[in-house]
Each structure stands twice: as C-alpha cells, then as structure tokens.
Amino acid sequence: MAPTGTHLNTAIRPLFIAWLILVALTILSIELGAHFHGAAWLQVLVAVIVWIKGTVVARHFIEEEVATPFIRNVLRAFIAYAPLALVLTAFFGTQFARWATL
C-alpha cells in the first residue's frame, strides 16, 4: 500500500499537461481563424502551431526520446513536413501545386 499523499503513477500529470497544451493550441487556432480569416501572416502562425502540436504529441505520447536516432529523425522530418507544406501552399500555391503534382 502506498503512503498517503503519494501518487502511484507520476506519468499521468505530464500527459495531462501535454493534453491541456494541445487543447489550448486547438482553441487558439479556432479563435485566430475566426478573427483573422484571410490574413497573410495567419498561415505562418498556423504552421507554427501545427509544428508545436506535432512536437508535443511526439515527445509525450509517441515518446520519441526513447526511439533510435534514425526513427527520431524520420519522425521530426514527418512533423516538419505539414507546416512546411502549409507555408509553401499559402505563399506559392500554384507553383507548389504544379511541382507537387505527380
């Protein structure tokens, strides 16, 4: 039996904080989209938010720090791809679409 006042699972609190961060970033994204719809700088901010959310998920839920360096680097590249694609599409939409079409 655990002593009174101690927590049996210390991993729950960091996961809960990570979840709160993800929820807060999602709400922030929704509010930014509602208030600044169509602003040119908004795509860059959304790309940063997507990158932060991907990093939080990788660190706290996928546990990238225990993966081999190769897997960790593949995961980081995968996380960076979506924000990069968002920015390229926002500023170079037609050129990027022609380049990315198979």
N, C-alpha and C. Protein backbone atom coordinates (compact mmCIF):
# COMPACT_ATOMS: atom_id res chain seq x y z
N MET A 1 0.84 -1.18 0.00
CA MET A 1 0.00 0.00 0.00
C MET A 1 0.89 1.24 0.00
N ALA A 2 0.54 2.21 -0.85
CA ALA A 2 1.33 3.43 -0.97
C ALA A 2 1.05 4.36 0.20
N PRO A 3 2.07 5.08 0.65
CA PRO A 3 1.84 6.05 1.73
C PRO A 3 0.83 7.11 1.30
N THR A 4 0.14 7.65 2.26
CA THR A 4 -0.87 8.67 1.98
C THR A 4 -0.20 9.91 1.40
N GLY A 5 -0.81 10.46 0.34
CA GLY A 5 -0.31 11.69 -0.26
C GLY A 5 0.64 11.47 -1.42
N THR A 6 0.99 10.24 -1.71
CA THR A 6 1.87 10.00 -2.86
C THR A 6 1.04 9.55 -4.04
N HIS A 7 1.58 9.75 -5.22
CA HIS A 7 0.89 9.36 -6.44
C HIS A 7 1.47 8.06 -6.95
N LEU A 8 0.61 7.15 -7.33
CA LEU A 8 1.06 5.87 -7.84
C LEU A 8 1.64 5.97 -9.24
N ASN A 9 1.04 6.79 -10.10
CA ASN A 9 1.51 6.94 -11.47
C ASN A 9 1.92 8.38 -11.70
N THR A 10 3.21 8.63 -11.70
CA THR A 10 3.70 10.00 -11.88
C THR A 10 3.67 10.43 -13.34
N ALA A 11 3.41 9.51 -14.28
CA ALA A 11 3.37 9.86 -15.69
C ALA A 11 2.05 10.51 -16.08
N ILE A 12 1.03 10.40 -15.27
CA ILE A 12 -0.27 10.95 -15.63
C ILE A 12 -0.23 12.48 -15.68
N ARG A 13 0.43 13.11 -14.75
CA ARG A 13 0.45 14.57 -14.72
C ARG A 13 1.11 15.18 -15.96
N PRO A 14 2.31 14.73 -16.40
CA PRO A 14 2.87 15.29 -17.64
C PRO A 14 1.99 15.05 -18.86
N LEU A 15 1.34 13.89 -18.92
CA LEU A 15 0.45 13.62 -20.05
C LEU A 15 -0.77 14.53 -20.01
N PHE A 16 -1.28 14.79 -18.81
CA PHE A 16 -2.42 15.69 -18.68
C PHE A 16 -2.03 17.11 -19.09
N ILE A 17 -0.84 17.55 -18.70
CA ILE A 17 -0.37 18.88 -19.08
C ILE A 17 -0.19 18.96 -20.60
N ALA A 18 0.37 17.90 -21.20
CA ALA A 18 0.53 17.87 -22.65
C ALA A 18 -0.83 17.94 -23.34
N TRP A 19 -1.80 17.21 -22.80
CA TRP A 19 -3.15 17.24 -23.36
C TRP A 19 -3.75 18.64 -23.25
N LEU A 20 -3.55 19.30 -22.11
CA LEU A 20 -4.06 20.67 -21.94
C LEU A 20 -3.41 21.62 -22.94
N ILE A 21 -2.12 21.45 -23.19
CA ILE A 21 -1.43 22.28 -24.18
C ILE A 21 -2.05 22.06 -25.56
N LEU A 22 -2.31 20.81 -25.92
CA LEU A 22 -2.92 20.51 -27.22
C LEU A 22 -4.31 21.13 -27.33
N VAL A 23 -5.10 21.03 -26.28
CA VAL A 23 -6.43 21.63 -26.29
C VAL A 23 -6.34 23.16 -26.41
N ALA A 24 -5.43 23.77 -25.65
CA ALA A 24 -5.27 25.23 -25.70
C ALA A 24 -4.83 25.68 -27.09
N LEU A 25 -3.92 24.96 -27.72
CA LEU A 25 -3.47 25.33 -29.06
C LEU A 25 -4.59 25.15 -30.09
N THR A 26 -5.43 24.15 -29.90
CA THR A 26 -6.56 23.95 -30.80
C THR A 26 -7.55 25.09 -30.67
N ILE A 27 -7.86 25.48 -29.45
CA ILE A 27 -8.78 26.60 -29.22
C ILE A 27 -8.19 27.89 -29.77
N LEU A 28 -6.88 28.09 -29.57
CA LEU A 28 -6.20 29.27 -30.11
C LEU A 28 -6.31 29.29 -31.64
N SER A 29 -6.12 28.15 -32.28
CA SER A 29 -6.22 28.07 -33.74
C SER A 29 -7.62 28.45 -34.22
N ILE A 30 -8.62 27.96 -33.53
CA ILE A 30 -10.01 28.26 -33.91
C ILE A 30 -10.28 29.75 -33.77
N GLU A 31 -9.86 30.33 -32.67
CA GLU A 31 -10.08 31.77 -32.44
C GLU A 31 -9.32 32.62 -33.45
N LEU A 32 -8.09 32.26 -33.74
CA LEU A 32 -7.31 33.02 -34.72
C LEU A 32 -7.97 32.95 -36.10
N GLY A 33 -8.44 31.77 -36.47
CA GLY A 33 -9.12 31.62 -37.75
C GLY A 33 -10.40 32.42 -37.82
N ALA A 34 -11.13 32.49 -36.73
CA ALA A 34 -12.39 33.23 -36.71
C ALA A 34 -12.17 34.74 -36.79
N HIS A 35 -11.12 35.23 -36.12
CA HIS A 35 -10.92 36.68 -36.04
C HIS A 35 -10.03 37.23 -37.14
N PHE A 36 -9.12 36.44 -37.68
CA PHE A 36 -8.16 36.94 -38.66
C PHE A 36 -8.24 36.17 -39.97
N HIS A 37 -9.42 35.69 -40.32
CA HIS A 37 -9.61 34.90 -41.54
C HIS A 37 -9.10 35.67 -42.75
N GLY A 38 -8.20 35.05 -43.50
CA GLY A 38 -7.70 35.67 -44.73
C GLY A 38 -6.44 36.48 -44.56
N ALA A 39 -5.96 36.71 -43.34
CA ALA A 39 -4.73 37.47 -43.13
C ALA A 39 -3.54 36.66 -43.63
N ALA A 40 -2.62 37.32 -44.31
CA ALA A 40 -1.48 36.63 -44.91
C ALA A 40 -0.57 35.98 -43.86
N TRP A 41 -0.40 36.62 -42.73
CA TRP A 41 0.50 36.10 -41.70
C TRP A 41 -0.10 34.93 -40.93
N LEU A 42 -1.42 34.74 -41.06
CA LEU A 42 -2.09 33.69 -40.29
C LEU A 42 -1.61 32.29 -40.67
N GLN A 43 -1.30 32.08 -41.94
CA GLN A 43 -0.83 30.76 -42.37
C GLN A 43 0.48 30.39 -41.70
N VAL A 44 1.35 31.36 -41.53
CA VAL A 44 2.63 31.10 -40.86
C VAL A 44 2.39 30.75 -39.40
N LEU A 45 1.51 31.48 -38.74
CA LEU A 45 1.19 31.20 -37.34
C LEU A 45 0.53 29.83 -37.18
N VAL A 46 -0.35 29.49 -38.09
CA VAL A 46 -0.99 28.17 -38.04
C VAL A 46 0.06 27.08 -38.26
N ALA A 47 0.99 27.30 -39.15
CA ALA A 47 2.06 26.33 -39.38
C ALA A 47 2.91 26.14 -38.12
N VAL A 48 3.19 27.21 -37.42
CA VAL A 48 3.95 27.11 -36.17
C VAL A 48 3.15 26.32 -35.13
N ILE A 49 1.86 26.59 -35.04
CA ILE A 49 1.00 25.87 -34.08
C ILE A 49 0.96 24.38 -34.43
N VAL A 50 0.84 24.05 -35.71
CA VAL A 50 0.84 22.65 -36.13
C VAL A 50 2.15 21.98 -35.76
N TRP A 51 3.27 22.68 -35.96
CA TRP A 51 4.58 22.13 -35.61
C TRP A 51 4.69 21.90 -34.10
N ILE A 52 4.23 22.85 -33.31
CA ILE A 52 4.28 22.70 -31.84
C ILE A 52 3.42 21.52 -31.41
N LYS A 53 2.22 21.41 -31.96
CA LYS A 53 1.33 20.30 -31.60
C LYS A 53 1.96 18.95 -31.97
N GLY A 54 2.56 18.87 -33.14
CA GLY A 54 3.22 17.63 -33.54
C GLY A 54 4.38 17.28 -32.63
N THR A 55 5.13 18.29 -32.21
CA THR A 55 6.25 18.07 -31.30
C THR A 55 5.77 17.60 -29.94
N VAL A 56 4.70 18.19 -29.43
CA VAL A 56 4.14 17.77 -28.14
C VAL A 56 3.67 16.32 -28.22
N VAL A 57 2.97 15.97 -29.29
CA VAL A 57 2.49 14.59 -29.45
C VAL A 57 3.68 13.63 -29.53
N ALA A 58 4.70 13.99 -30.29
CA ALA A 58 5.86 13.10 -30.44
C ALA A 58 6.59 12.91 -29.12
N ARG A 59 6.74 13.95 -28.36
CA ARG A 59 7.50 13.85 -27.11
C ARG A 59 6.73 13.15 -26.00
N HIS A 60 5.45 13.44 -25.88
CA HIS A 60 4.72 12.95 -24.72
C HIS A 60 3.89 11.70 -24.98
N PHE A 61 3.47 11.49 -26.21
CA PHE A 61 2.60 10.35 -26.48
C PHE A 61 3.28 9.27 -27.32
N ILE A 62 4.15 9.67 -28.24
CA ILE A 62 4.88 8.69 -29.05
C ILE A 62 6.23 8.35 -28.40
N GLU A 63 6.69 9.19 -27.49
CA GLU A 63 7.95 9.01 -26.75
C GLU A 63 9.14 8.93 -27.69
N GLU A 64 9.33 9.98 -28.48
CA GLU A 64 10.42 10.00 -29.46
C GLU A 64 11.80 9.92 -28.82
N GLU A 65 11.92 10.35 -27.58
CA GLU A 65 13.25 10.37 -26.95
C GLU A 65 13.81 8.97 -26.70
N VAL A 66 12.96 7.95 -26.68
CA VAL A 66 13.45 6.59 -26.49
C VAL A 66 13.63 5.84 -27.81
N ALA A 67 13.29 6.48 -28.92
CA ALA A 67 13.45 5.85 -30.23
C ALA A 67 14.91 5.93 -30.67
N THR A 68 15.26 5.10 -31.63
CA THR A 68 16.61 5.17 -32.20
C THR A 68 16.78 6.50 -32.92
N PRO A 69 18.01 6.96 -33.09
CA PRO A 69 18.21 8.25 -33.76
C PRO A 69 17.59 8.30 -35.17
N PHE A 70 17.65 7.20 -35.90
CA PHE A 70 17.06 7.18 -37.24
C PHE A 70 15.55 7.41 -37.17
N ILE A 71 14.86 6.67 -36.31
CA ILE A 71 13.41 6.82 -36.17
C ILE A 71 13.06 8.22 -35.66
N ARG A 72 13.84 8.71 -34.71
CA ARG A 72 13.61 10.06 -34.18
C ARG A 72 13.72 11.11 -35.29
N ASN A 73 14.73 10.98 -36.14
CA ASN A 73 14.91 11.94 -37.23
C ASN A 73 13.81 11.83 -38.28
N VAL A 74 13.38 10.61 -38.58
CA VAL A 74 12.26 10.42 -39.51
C VAL A 74 10.99 11.06 -38.94
N LEU A 75 10.76 10.86 -37.66
CA LEU A 75 9.58 11.44 -37.01
C LEU A 75 9.64 12.97 -37.03
N ARG A 76 10.80 13.54 -36.76
CA ARG A 76 10.94 15.00 -36.79
C ARG A 76 10.73 15.56 -38.19
N ALA A 77 11.24 14.85 -39.20
CA ALA A 77 11.02 15.29 -40.59
C ALA A 77 9.54 15.21 -40.95
N PHE A 78 8.88 14.15 -40.50
CA PHE A 78 7.45 14.00 -40.76
C PHE A 78 6.67 15.13 -40.10
N ILE A 79 7.04 15.48 -38.88
CA ILE A 79 6.36 16.57 -38.16
C ILE A 79 6.59 17.90 -38.84
N ALA A 80 7.77 18.11 -39.40
CA ALA A 80 8.09 19.38 -40.06
C ALA A 80 7.44 19.49 -41.44
N TYR A 81 7.08 18.36 -42.05
CA TYR A 81 6.54 18.38 -43.42
C TYR A 81 5.22 19.15 -43.52
N ALA A 82 4.28 18.90 -42.64
CA ALA A 82 2.96 19.55 -42.73
C ALA A 82 3.05 21.07 -42.59
N PRO A 83 3.76 21.61 -41.59
CA PRO A 83 3.86 23.07 -41.52
C PRO A 83 4.58 23.67 -42.73
N LEU A 84 5.59 22.98 -43.21
CA LEU A 84 6.30 23.47 -44.40
C LEU A 84 5.37 23.48 -45.61
N ALA A 85 4.59 22.43 -45.77
CA ALA A 85 3.63 22.37 -46.87
C ALA A 85 2.57 23.47 -46.75
N LEU A 86 2.13 23.76 -45.52
CA LEU A 86 1.16 24.84 -45.32
C LEU A 86 1.71 26.19 -45.77
N VAL A 87 2.94 26.47 -45.38
CA VAL A 87 3.55 27.76 -45.74
C VAL A 87 3.80 27.83 -47.24
N LEU A 88 4.33 26.76 -47.83
CA LEU A 88 4.58 26.76 -49.27
C LEU A 88 3.28 26.91 -50.05
N THR A 89 2.23 26.25 -49.61
CA THR A 89 0.95 26.36 -50.29
C THR A 89 0.36 27.76 -50.13
N ALA A 90 0.52 28.35 -48.96
CA ALA A 90 -0.05 29.68 -48.71
C ALA A 90 0.62 30.75 -49.57
N PHE A 91 1.94 30.67 -49.73
CA PHE A 91 2.64 31.74 -50.43
C PHE A 91 2.99 31.41 -51.89
N PHE A 92 3.09 30.14 -52.21
CA PHE A 92 3.44 29.73 -53.57
C PHE A 92 2.48 28.64 -54.05
N GLY A 93 1.19 28.87 -53.85
CA GLY A 93 0.17 27.85 -54.10
C GLY A 93 0.21 27.21 -55.47
N THR A 94 0.11 28.01 -56.52
CA THR A 94 0.06 27.41 -57.85
C THR A 94 1.39 26.79 -58.25
N GLN A 95 2.51 27.45 -57.94
CA GLN A 95 3.81 26.88 -58.28
C GLN A 95 4.06 25.61 -57.49
N PHE A 96 3.72 25.61 -56.21
CA PHE A 96 3.92 24.43 -55.38
C PHE A 96 3.01 23.29 -55.81
N ALA A 97 1.78 23.61 -56.20
CA ALA A 97 0.85 22.58 -56.66
C ALA A 97 1.36 21.93 -57.94
N ARG A 98 1.88 22.72 -58.88
CA ARG A 98 2.44 22.15 -60.10
C ARG A 98 3.64 21.27 -59.81
N TRP A 99 4.49 21.70 -58.88
CA TRP A 99 5.68 20.93 -58.53
C TRP A 99 5.32 19.65 -57.81
N ALA A 100 4.30 19.68 -56.95
CA ALA A 100 3.94 18.53 -56.13
C ALA A 100 3.03 17.54 -56.84
N THR A 101 2.49 17.89 -58.00
CA THR A 101 1.60 17.01 -58.73
C THR A 101 2.41 15.89 -59.39
N LEU A 102 1.91 14.69 -59.27
CA LEU A 102 2.59 13.55 -59.90
C LEU A 102 2.19 13.41 -61.33
